Amino acid sequence: MLYLIGKFISMLRYLMYRFRRIRNNRSVHNAGGRISGQCNLSHPENIFIGKNSYINSGDILASPNAKIYIGANCLISFQVHIRTEMHNYKDADQLIRLQGHSEKDIIIEDDVWIGYGVQILPGVIIAKGSVIGAGAVVTHDTIAYGVYGGVPARLISMRTQSGTAIPADNCDLTENRLFKKVNIPTCDGSSQSCHLSVAAFQGKTYMACTPYPYDNEYSENLCLYIRETTSGHWKLIPEAFPLACPQKLRFEHYSDPCLFQKDGQLELIFRKCERRKSGEVDQLYIAFSQNGLSWTAPRVFAEQKKDTLISPSIAGNALFCVEYNGIDSKLVRFPFEHSNGLGDKTICTVEGLDNTSLVWHIDCATLPDGTIRGLFLLREKKSPVTCKLALFTWFPDENIWHLERDLPQTEAEQKEIAHIYKSCFTENPESILCSARDQKGRFFLYQKAI
């Protein structure tokens, strides 16, 4: 008798389990995909699945205030864990269990394959065509058609239209017949660069830049390169590849270099972003070289709160930086005698800038007649990826940067470029070196006359 009662209870539990699965599956916003009966769903009303997508066993865990969007033609393997909610933990003075939770949407775009045992953390966007290898933990957004693996997941290679995966350290994944791309190595192996700065010194040209941190901003550590002639290739400087590495992973990274010649030596300023218990700060570091190859150890000479020392650029005896408050930006100037800290700040007037745009990055150059010209990256306030380049002229007596002209993209650029990023003058102030993202989401460099 007890045996029969036990069998009945087991059958009842199974039927309740199946009913809950069917009910959850019916609650999902399903546009023609399939979900395994062994898939565990949470808040199915906040799960959206596209046509021809298949989800095998695993956990698809939306939350009350965050959604999971899965595009069309996606393949999600066994034991994949996708979760929109996680514990808050950043306050080291409080127990983690008392800090509550945060919720962020997860977006998986079309034509994505997610392998066995992958974990996708809150807030991640898996870009179209991505492949995530088995066991990976995805903590940051991916790029379109990238192949990822590891913990945390990192870019391993790229898919191409022929279906052949190409290692990520090969920069030119597609042949570009419209204009010449500049191919350089980077310390993270991606060959994708941004935050450019160029200076001439002792008859040679030097460039500083950082890898673009798709998966891990703490790999955004500046590297230095040399070019013998204007038509030659950029060669890495081994002693500065990279020049500085973070000492505390996930708590600091380096970006925004500025190369310039002063007092018979080559100097480099760069920004360090550091996370502390008291908050995040920006620091400016400086390093010196007598020959462009061997560099002194970088030392800090200025510190302010986060996002107040963005994109430092030297012009004459002035140091210009961008201050960003999360909504708008200001262009500020400090007297710069020689790396002995920052003097009093002066807010500059920027004429010709419309109300929908803000200054995001700058680069300065001094023309032969002494005029100071600025290459500004202007960003739309409501659309962070919508940017354009413009030339400005500095009028020191009036403390004004005046718009000289926009730099519209040519037809060839428009076909290749998804959006433009921080760019700089070359050793010739009538030429610029641009950093841009192509239609597949990868960064590349190219040079153009202005």
Protein backbone atom coordinates (compact mmCIF):
# COMPACT_ATOMS: atom_id res chain seq x y z
CA MET A 1 0.00 0.00 0.00
CA LEU A 2 2.79 2.42 0.92
CA TYR A 3 4.52 1.51 -2.36
CA LEU A 4 1.41 2.51 -4.34
CA ILE A 5 1.08 5.78 -2.42
CA GLY A 6 4.73 6.59 -3.17
CA LYS A 7 4.25 5.85 -6.87
CA PHE A 8 1.14 8.05 -6.91
CA ILE A 9 2.99 10.96 -5.28
CA SER A 10 5.89 10.58 -7.71
CA MET A 11 3.51 10.59 -10.66
CA LEU A 12 1.71 13.64 -9.29
CA ARG A 13 5.00 15.52 -8.94
CA TYR A 14 5.97 14.59 -12.49
CA LEU A 15 2.62 15.80 -13.85
CA MET A 16 2.94 19.07 -11.93
CA TYR A 17 6.47 19.47 -13.29
CA ARG A 18 5.28 18.86 -16.86
CA PHE A 19 2.35 21.24 -16.38
CA ARG A 20 4.66 23.97 -15.11
CA ARG A 21 6.96 23.46 -18.12
CA ILE A 22 4.05 23.65 -20.57
CA ARG A 23 2.66 26.73 -18.84
CA ASN A 24 6.05 28.44 -18.83
CA ASN A 25 6.62 27.62 -22.51
CA ARG A 26 3.26 29.07 -23.38
CA SER A 27 4.07 32.25 -21.43
CA VAL A 28 7.25 32.86 -23.42
CA HIS A 29 7.01 35.37 -26.28
CA ASN A 30 7.87 32.82 -28.95
CA ALA A 31 7.99 33.88 -32.61
CA GLY A 32 8.64 30.40 -33.96
CA GLY A 33 11.50 28.98 -31.91
CA ARG A 34 11.68 25.70 -29.95
CA ILE A 35 12.41 25.13 -26.26
CA SER A 36 13.46 21.80 -24.79
CA GLY A 37 11.14 20.37 -22.16
CA GLN A 38 14.17 20.12 -19.87
CA CYS A 39 14.91 23.84 -20.02
CA ASN A 40 14.38 25.71 -16.75
CA LEU A 41 12.62 29.05 -17.28
CA SER A 42 12.13 31.93 -14.87
CA HIS A 43 9.71 34.81 -15.52
CA PRO A 44 8.84 33.47 -18.97
CA GLU A 45 6.76 36.59 -19.65
CA ASN A 46 10.09 38.43 -19.93
CA ILE A 47 11.67 35.95 -22.38
CA PHE A 48 11.51 36.62 -26.13
CA ILE A 49 12.59 34.02 -28.70
CA GLY A 50 12.96 34.57 -32.44
CA LYS A 51 12.06 32.36 -35.38
CA ASN A 52 13.94 29.07 -35.93
CA SER A 53 15.91 29.38 -32.68
CA TYR A 54 16.39 26.29 -30.50
CA ILE A 55 17.11 26.17 -26.76
CA ASN A 56 18.27 22.88 -25.28
CA SER A 57 18.34 21.98 -21.58
CA GLY A 58 19.70 24.67 -19.29
CA ASP A 59 18.56 27.78 -17.43
CA ILE A 60 16.98 30.83 -19.08
CA LEU A 61 16.37 33.01 -16.04
CA ALA A 62 14.79 36.39 -16.64
CA SER A 63 13.75 38.50 -13.65
CA PRO A 64 10.85 40.81 -12.79
CA ASN A 65 12.57 43.93 -14.17
CA ALA A 66 14.91 42.55 -16.83
CA LYS A 67 14.29 40.67 -20.07
CA ILE A 68 16.09 38.11 -22.21
CA TYR A 69 15.90 38.63 -25.98
CA ILE A 70 16.99 35.76 -28.22
CA GLY A 71 17.03 36.53 -31.94
CA ALA A 72 16.26 34.34 -34.94
CA ASN A 73 18.22 31.25 -36.05
CA CYS A 74 20.09 30.88 -32.75
CA LEU A 75 21.42 27.57 -31.39
CA ILE A 76 21.73 27.25 -27.61
CA SER A 77 23.31 24.00 -26.42
CA PHE A 78 22.93 21.87 -23.26
CA GLN A 79 23.39 23.31 -19.76
CA VAL A 80 23.68 26.95 -20.87
CA HIS A 81 22.98 29.36 -18.02
CA ILE A 82 21.57 32.79 -18.92
CA ARG A 83 20.63 35.00 -15.99
CA THR A 84 19.60 38.69 -15.79
CA GLU A 85 20.00 39.10 -12.04
CA MET A 86 23.07 39.05 -9.81
CA HIS A 87 24.22 40.11 -6.35
CA ASN A 88 25.61 43.58 -5.76
CA TYR A 89 29.07 43.30 -4.21
CA LYS A 90 31.14 46.45 -4.80
CA ASP A 91 30.76 47.93 -1.30
CA ALA A 92 33.54 46.21 0.66
CA ASP A 93 32.28 47.74 3.91
CA GLN A 94 29.00 45.84 3.76
CA LEU A 95 28.14 42.15 3.65
CA ILE A 96 27.38 40.97 0.12
CA ARG A 97 24.13 39.35 1.23
CA LEU A 98 22.88 42.74 2.45
CA GLN A 99 23.64 44.66 -0.76
CA GLY A 100 20.66 43.44 -2.74
CA HIS A 101 20.53 42.53 -6.43
CA SER A 102 20.83 44.28 -9.76
CA GLU A 103 18.95 43.34 -12.95
CA LYS A 104 20.04 43.95 -16.54
CA ASP A 105 18.64 42.83 -19.89
CA ILE A 106 20.49 40.22 -21.95
CA ILE A 107 20.32 40.42 -25.75
CA ILE A 108 21.33 37.57 -28.06
CA GLU A 109 21.16 38.74 -31.67
CA ASP A 110 20.44 36.62 -34.77
CA ASP A 111 22.52 33.65 -35.97
CA VAL A 112 24.35 32.97 -32.69
CA TRP A 113 25.68 29.58 -31.58
CA ILE A 114 26.21 29.13 -27.84
CA GLY A 115 28.10 25.98 -26.87
CA TYR A 116 27.72 23.51 -24.01
CA GLY A 117 27.88 24.88 -20.45
CA VAL A 118 28.25 28.56 -21.37
CA GLN A 119 27.29 31.16 -18.75
CA ILE A 120 26.06 34.59 -19.86
CA LEU A 121 26.02 37.30 -17.20
CA PRO A 122 23.54 40.19 -16.83
CA GLY A 123 23.78 43.12 -19.24
CA VAL A 124 25.65 41.27 -21.99
CA ILE A 125 24.88 41.71 -25.69
CA ILE A 126 25.88 38.75 -27.89
CA ALA A 127 26.30 40.34 -31.31
CA LYS A 128 24.99 38.88 -34.56
CA GLY A 129 26.81 35.80 -35.85
CA SER A 130 28.86 35.23 -32.69
CA VAL A 131 30.06 31.78 -31.65
CA ILE A 132 30.61 31.11 -27.92
CA GLY A 133 32.77 28.07 -27.17
CA ALA A 134 31.85 25.42 -24.60
CA GLY A 135 32.33 26.38 -20.95
CA ALA A 136 32.92 30.08 -21.62
CA VAL A 137 31.76 32.76 -19.18
CA VAL A 138 30.59 35.82 -21.10
CA THR A 139 31.02 38.98 -19.03
CA HIS A 140 31.21 41.65 -21.76
CA ASP A 141 29.53 42.38 -25.10
CA THR A 142 30.81 40.50 -28.14
CA ILE A 143 31.43 41.83 -31.64
CA ALA A 144 29.59 40.64 -34.73
CA TYR A 145 30.87 37.32 -36.16
CA GLY A 146 33.45 36.89 -33.41
CA VAL A 147 34.43 33.45 -32.07
CA TYR A 148 34.87 33.48 -28.28
CA GLY A 149 36.13 31.11 -25.60
CA GLY A 150 37.59 30.99 -22.12
CA VAL A 151 36.90 32.40 -18.66
CA PRO A 152 36.21 35.23 -19.02
CA ALA A 153 35.34 34.82 -22.70
CA ARG A 154 37.82 36.48 -25.06
CA LEU A 155 37.92 36.96 -28.82
CA ILE A 156 39.77 34.02 -30.40
CA SER A 157 39.07 34.47 -34.11
CA MET A 158 36.63 35.91 -36.60
CA ARG A 159 34.18 34.24 -38.93
CA THR A 160 34.38 35.26 -42.57
CA GLN A 161 31.88 35.04 -45.39
CA SER A 162 33.59 31.87 -46.60
CA GLY A 163 33.10 30.31 -43.16
CA THR A 164 36.82 30.13 -42.37
CA ALA A 165 37.88 31.34 -38.94
CA ILE A 166 40.84 33.73 -39.08
CA PRO A 167 43.02 34.34 -35.98
CA ALA A 168 42.27 37.61 -34.23
CA ASP A 169 45.84 38.85 -34.62
CA ASN A 170 45.30 39.23 -38.38
CA CYS A 171 43.95 42.75 -38.71
CA ASP A 172 42.68 42.95 -42.27
CA LEU A 173 39.96 40.34 -42.29
CA THR A 174 38.43 41.69 -45.48
CA GLU A 175 40.32 43.08 -48.43
CA ASN A 176 39.78 46.82 -48.59
CA ARG A 177 40.02 48.29 -52.08
CA LEU A 178 38.52 51.66 -51.13
CA PHE A 179 41.33 53.02 -48.96
CA LYS A 180 44.42 51.62 -47.30
CA LYS A 181 44.09 50.28 -43.79
CA VAL A 182 47.02 50.55 -41.41
CA ASN A 183 47.95 47.17 -39.96
CA ILE A 184 49.74 47.16 -36.58
CA PRO A 185 50.18 44.54 -33.85
CA THR A 186 48.73 45.16 -30.40
CA CYS A 187 49.73 43.71 -27.05
CA ASP A 188 46.41 41.83 -26.69
CA GLY A 189 46.80 40.14 -30.09
CA SER A 190 43.66 41.69 -31.62
CA SER A 191 45.40 44.19 -33.97
CA GLN A 192 42.54 46.58 -33.27
CA SER A 193 43.58 50.00 -32.03
CA CYS A 194 42.12 53.26 -30.77
CA HIS A 195 43.12 56.34 -28.74
CA LEU A 196 45.77 57.47 -31.20
CA SER A 197 48.50 60.06 -30.75
CA VAL A 198 51.37 60.83 -33.17
CA ALA A 199 54.49 63.00 -32.81
CA ALA A 200 57.63 63.64 -34.86
CA PHE A 201 60.97 63.35 -33.06
CA GLN A 202 64.58 63.27 -34.33
CA GLY A 203 63.51 62.67 -37.93
CA LYS A 204 61.22 59.78 -37.11
CA THR A 205 57.52 59.48 -36.36
CA TYR A 206 56.15 57.89 -33.21
CA MET A 207 52.66 56.70 -32.38
CA ALA A 208 50.98 55.73 -29.12
CA CYS A 209 47.67 53.85 -29.03
CA THR A 210 45.78 51.23 -27.05
CA PRO A 211 44.05 48.00 -28.09
CA TYR A 212 40.29 48.33 -28.25
CA PRO A 213 38.99 46.44 -25.16
CA TYR A 214 36.07 44.42 -26.53
CA ASP A 215 36.10 41.88 -23.75
CA ASN A 216 38.24 43.38 -21.04
CA GLU A 217 38.95 47.08 -20.64
CA TYR A 218 41.95 46.20 -18.48
CA SER A 219 43.81 45.05 -21.59
CA GLU A 220 43.54 48.67 -22.81
CA ASN A 221 47.21 49.36 -22.12
CA LEU A 222 49.08 51.78 -24.32
CA CYS A 223 51.78 50.66 -26.75
CA LEU A 224 54.35 52.68 -28.70
CA TYR A 225 55.39 52.38 -32.35
CA ILE A 226 57.95 53.97 -34.67
CA ARG A 227 57.85 54.74 -38.40
CA GLU A 228 61.08 55.53 -40.21
CA THR A 229 59.53 57.38 -43.16
CA THR A 230 56.06 58.65 -44.03
CA SER A 231 55.59 55.73 -46.40
CA GLY A 232 57.03 53.06 -44.09
CA HIS A 233 55.28 50.61 -41.80
CA TRP A 234 54.71 51.09 -38.12
CA LYS A 235 57.03 48.91 -36.03
CA LEU A 236 56.45 48.17 -32.37
CA ILE A 237 58.91 49.38 -29.73
CA PRO A 238 59.63 46.26 -27.63
CA GLU A 239 60.43 48.24 -24.46
CA ALA A 240 57.00 49.87 -24.66
CA PHE A 241 54.78 46.99 -25.74
CA PRO A 242 52.94 47.78 -23.56
CA LEU A 243 54.51 50.66 -21.66
CA ALA A 244 52.43 50.04 -18.54
CA CYS A 245 50.26 47.16 -17.31
CA PRO A 246 47.66 47.23 -14.54
CA GLN A 247 48.91 46.09 -11.15
CA LYS A 248 45.41 45.42 -9.84
CA LEU A 249 43.31 43.60 -12.43
CA ARG A 250 39.71 44.82 -12.69
CA PHE A 251 40.63 47.90 -10.67
CA GLU A 252 42.67 49.94 -13.13
CA HIS A 253 43.43 50.43 -16.81
CA TYR A 254 45.28 52.91 -19.02
CA SER A 255 44.14 54.92 -22.05
CA ASP A 256 44.14 58.34 -23.79
CA PRO A 257 47.85 58.79 -24.61
CA CYS A 258 49.30 62.11 -25.77
CA LEU A 259 52.74 62.14 -27.44
CA PHE A 260 54.62 65.42 -27.84
CA GLN A 261 58.14 66.84 -28.16
CA LYS A 262 59.35 69.25 -25.48
CA ASP A 263 62.78 70.45 -24.32
CA GLY A 264 64.63 68.15 -26.73
CA GLN A 265 62.96 64.94 -25.59
CA LEU A 266 59.90 62.92 -26.44
CA GLU A 267 57.24 62.94 -23.74
CA LEU A 268 54.11 60.90 -23.21
CA ILE A 269 51.10 61.68 -21.04
CA PHE A 270 48.37 59.12 -20.50
CA ARG A 271 45.31 58.65 -18.33
CA LYS A 272 44.87 55.95 -15.72
CA CYS A 273 41.38 55.05 -14.49
CA GLU A 274 41.41 53.53 -11.03
CA ARG A 275 38.64 52.05 -8.89
CA ARG A 276 38.89 52.60 -5.14
CA LYS A 277 36.60 52.04 -2.18
CA SER A 278 36.10 55.80 -2.01
CA GLY A 279 35.16 56.00 -5.69
CA GLU A 280 36.75 56.10 -9.14
CA VAL A 281 39.49 58.55 -10.05
CA ASP A 282 41.41 59.72 -13.12
CA GLN A 283 45.18 60.08 -12.89
CA LEU A 284 47.59 61.55 -15.42
CA TYR A 285 50.98 59.87 -15.82
CA ILE A 286 54.03 61.10 -17.68
CA ALA A 287 57.08 59.31 -19.12
CA PHE A 288 60.16 60.64 -20.97
CA SER A 289 62.52 59.37 -23.66
CA GLN A 290 65.77 60.80 -24.99
CA ASN A 291 65.80 58.55 -28.08
CA GLY A 292 62.17 57.45 -28.54
CA LEU A 293 63.01 53.82 -27.71
CA SER A 294 63.97 53.69 -24.03
CA TRP A 295 61.49 55.28 -21.62
CA THR A 296 61.55 56.31 -17.99
CA ALA A 297 59.13 54.62 -15.63
CA PRO A 298 55.80 56.47 -15.83
CA ARG A 299 54.96 58.59 -12.78
CA VAL A 300 51.73 60.23 -11.73
CA PHE A 301 51.55 64.02 -11.73
CA ALA A 302 47.82 64.78 -11.45
CA GLU A 303 44.70 63.22 -9.95
CA GLN A 304 41.04 64.21 -10.10
CA LYS A 305 37.65 62.51 -9.89
CA LYS A 306 36.48 60.14 -12.61
CA ASP A 307 35.94 61.44 -16.18
CA THR A 308 37.52 64.86 -15.57
CA LEU A 309 40.84 64.21 -17.35
CA ILE A 310 39.62 62.56 -20.56
CA SER A 311 41.74 62.83 -23.70
CA PRO A 312 44.63 65.04 -22.48
CA SER A 313 46.33 67.00 -25.26
CA ILE A 314 49.29 69.40 -25.13
CA ALA A 315 49.44 72.61 -27.16
CA GLY A 316 52.17 75.12 -26.32
CA ASN A 317 52.19 75.57 -22.55
CA ALA A 318 48.61 74.42 -22.12
CA LEU A 319 47.10 71.04 -21.32
CA PHE A 320 43.56 70.54 -22.62
CA CYS A 321 41.22 67.85 -21.26
CA VAL A 322 37.56 66.88 -21.57
CA GLU A 323 35.33 66.77 -18.50
CA TYR A 324 32.25 64.56 -18.76
CA ASN A 325 29.37 64.54 -16.25
CA GLY A 326 27.32 61.74 -17.79
CA ILE A 327 25.14 64.13 -19.80
CA ASP A 328 27.36 66.82 -21.29
CA SER A 329 31.04 67.68 -21.50
CA LYS A 330 33.31 70.69 -21.03
CA LEU A 331 36.66 71.44 -22.60
CA VAL A 332 39.08 72.69 -19.94
CA ARG A 333 42.60 74.10 -20.00
CA PHE A 334 45.40 73.91 -17.45
CA PRO A 335 48.78 75.67 -17.53
CA PHE A 336 51.44 73.07 -18.22
CA GLU A 337 54.96 74.16 -17.44
CA HIS A 338 56.43 70.73 -16.93
CA SER A 339 54.69 67.83 -15.25
CA ASN A 340 54.58 69.45 -11.84
CA GLY A 341 50.87 69.01 -11.36
CA LEU A 342 47.97 70.94 -12.79
CA GLY A 343 47.50 74.65 -12.23
CA ASP A 344 44.20 76.50 -12.10
CA LYS A 345 41.53 75.20 -14.43
CA THR A 346 39.94 77.41 -17.09
CA ILE A 347 36.78 76.35 -18.93
CA CYS A 348 37.10 76.97 -22.66
CA THR A 349 34.36 78.24 -24.92
CA VAL A 350 33.64 76.00 -27.91
CA GLU A 351 31.98 78.00 -30.70
CA GLY A 352 30.06 76.35 -33.52
CA LEU A 353 29.00 73.30 -31.49
CA ASP A 354 25.27 72.58 -31.74
CA ASN A 355 23.16 71.66 -28.71
CA THR A 356 22.82 68.00 -29.72
CA SER A 357 26.57 67.25 -29.68
CA LEU A 358 29.34 67.17 -27.12
CA VAL A 359 33.14 67.10 -27.30
CA TRP A 360 34.36 63.57 -26.54
CA HIS A 361 38.01 63.37 -27.64
CA ILE A 362 40.53 65.94 -28.83
CA ASP A 363 43.97 66.14 -30.44
CA CYS A 364 45.98 69.33 -30.92
CA ALA A 365 48.66 70.36 -33.45
CA THR A 366 50.71 73.53 -33.84
CA LEU A 367 50.99 74.78 -37.43
CA PRO A 368 54.21 76.36 -38.81
CA ASP A 369 52.77 79.86 -38.29
CA GLY A 370 52.08 79.12 -34.61
CA THR A 371 48.34 78.60 -34.99
CA ILE A 372 46.94 75.80 -32.81
CA ARG A 373 44.47 73.52 -34.51
CA GLY A 374 42.26 70.94 -32.82
CA LEU A 375 40.84 67.70 -34.19
CA PHE A 376 37.70 67.04 -32.17
CA LEU A 377 35.61 63.89 -32.01
CA LEU A 378 32.05 65.14 -31.52
CA ARG A 379 29.46 62.73 -30.15
CA GLU A 380 25.69 62.98 -30.20
CA LYS A 381 24.32 63.26 -26.67
CA LYS A 382 21.49 60.80 -27.28
CA SER A 383 23.49 58.34 -29.37
CA PRO A 384 26.97 57.50 -28.03
CA VAL A 385 27.97 55.62 -31.21
CA THR A 386 27.06 58.50 -33.55
CA CYS A 387 30.24 60.54 -33.89
CA LYS A 388 31.93 62.84 -36.38
CA LEU A 389 35.26 64.63 -36.74
CA ALA A 390 35.65 68.40 -36.95
CA LEU A 391 38.51 70.90 -37.11
CA PHE A 392 38.70 73.76 -34.60
CA THR A 393 41.11 76.70 -34.21
CA TRP A 394 42.31 77.96 -30.84
CA PHE A 395 42.18 81.69 -30.05
CA PRO A 396 44.13 81.97 -26.76
CA ASP A 397 43.46 85.65 -26.10
CA GLU A 398 39.71 84.96 -26.14
CA ASN A 399 39.90 81.47 -24.63
CA ILE A 400 37.80 80.16 -27.54
CA TRP A 401 37.92 77.09 -29.74
CA HIS A 402 36.20 78.12 -32.97
CA LEU A 403 34.75 75.63 -35.44
CA GLU A 404 36.76 75.71 -38.65
CA ARG A 405 34.85 73.01 -40.55
CA ASP A 406 33.40 69.53 -40.26
CA LEU A 407 35.27 66.62 -41.80
CA PRO A 408 32.58 64.64 -43.63
CA GLN A 409 33.27 61.08 -44.67
CA THR A 410 33.87 60.31 -48.31
CA GLU A 411 31.68 57.82 -50.15
CA ALA A 412 34.41 55.20 -49.75
CA GLU A 413 34.56 55.77 -46.00
CA GLN A 414 30.79 55.53 -45.66
CA LYS A 415 30.81 52.10 -47.30
CA GLU A 416 33.47 50.77 -44.92
CA ILE A 417 32.86 52.57 -41.64
CA ALA A 418 30.13 51.89 -39.09
CA HIS A 419 31.36 54.73 -36.88
CA ILE A 420 34.45 56.87 -36.41
CA TYR A 421 36.41 57.03 -33.16
CA LYS A 422 39.24 59.04 -31.58
CA SER A 423 41.65 60.21 -34.29
CA CYS A 424 44.75 62.40 -34.38
CA PHE A 425 46.98 64.57 -36.55
CA THR A 426 50.01 62.92 -38.12
CA GLU A 427 53.47 64.54 -38.27
CA ASN A 428 51.93 66.58 -41.11
CA PRO A 429 49.07 68.69 -39.66
CA GLU A 430 47.31 68.50 -43.03
CA SER A 431 46.88 64.75 -42.58
CA ILE A 432 45.10 62.73 -39.91
CA LEU A 433 45.24 59.13 -38.72
CA CYS A 434 41.76 57.81 -37.99
CA SER A 435 40.46 55.02 -35.81
CA ALA A 436 37.16 53.54 -37.02
CA ARG A 437 34.90 50.55 -36.67
CA ASP A 438 33.95 48.62 -39.79
CA GLN A 439 30.57 47.11 -40.67
CA LYS A 440 31.52 43.84 -38.92
CA GLY A 441 32.38 45.63 -35.70
CA ARG A 442 36.18 45.47 -35.89
CA PHE A 443 38.45 48.47 -35.38
CA PHE A 444 41.04 49.53 -37.93
CA LEU A 445 43.25 52.54 -38.67
CA TYR A 446 43.50 54.55 -41.86
CA GLN A 447 45.11 57.80 -42.94
CA LYS A 448 43.54 60.63 -44.90
CA ALA A 449 44.36 64.16 -46.01
CA ILE A 450 42.32 67.08 -44.70
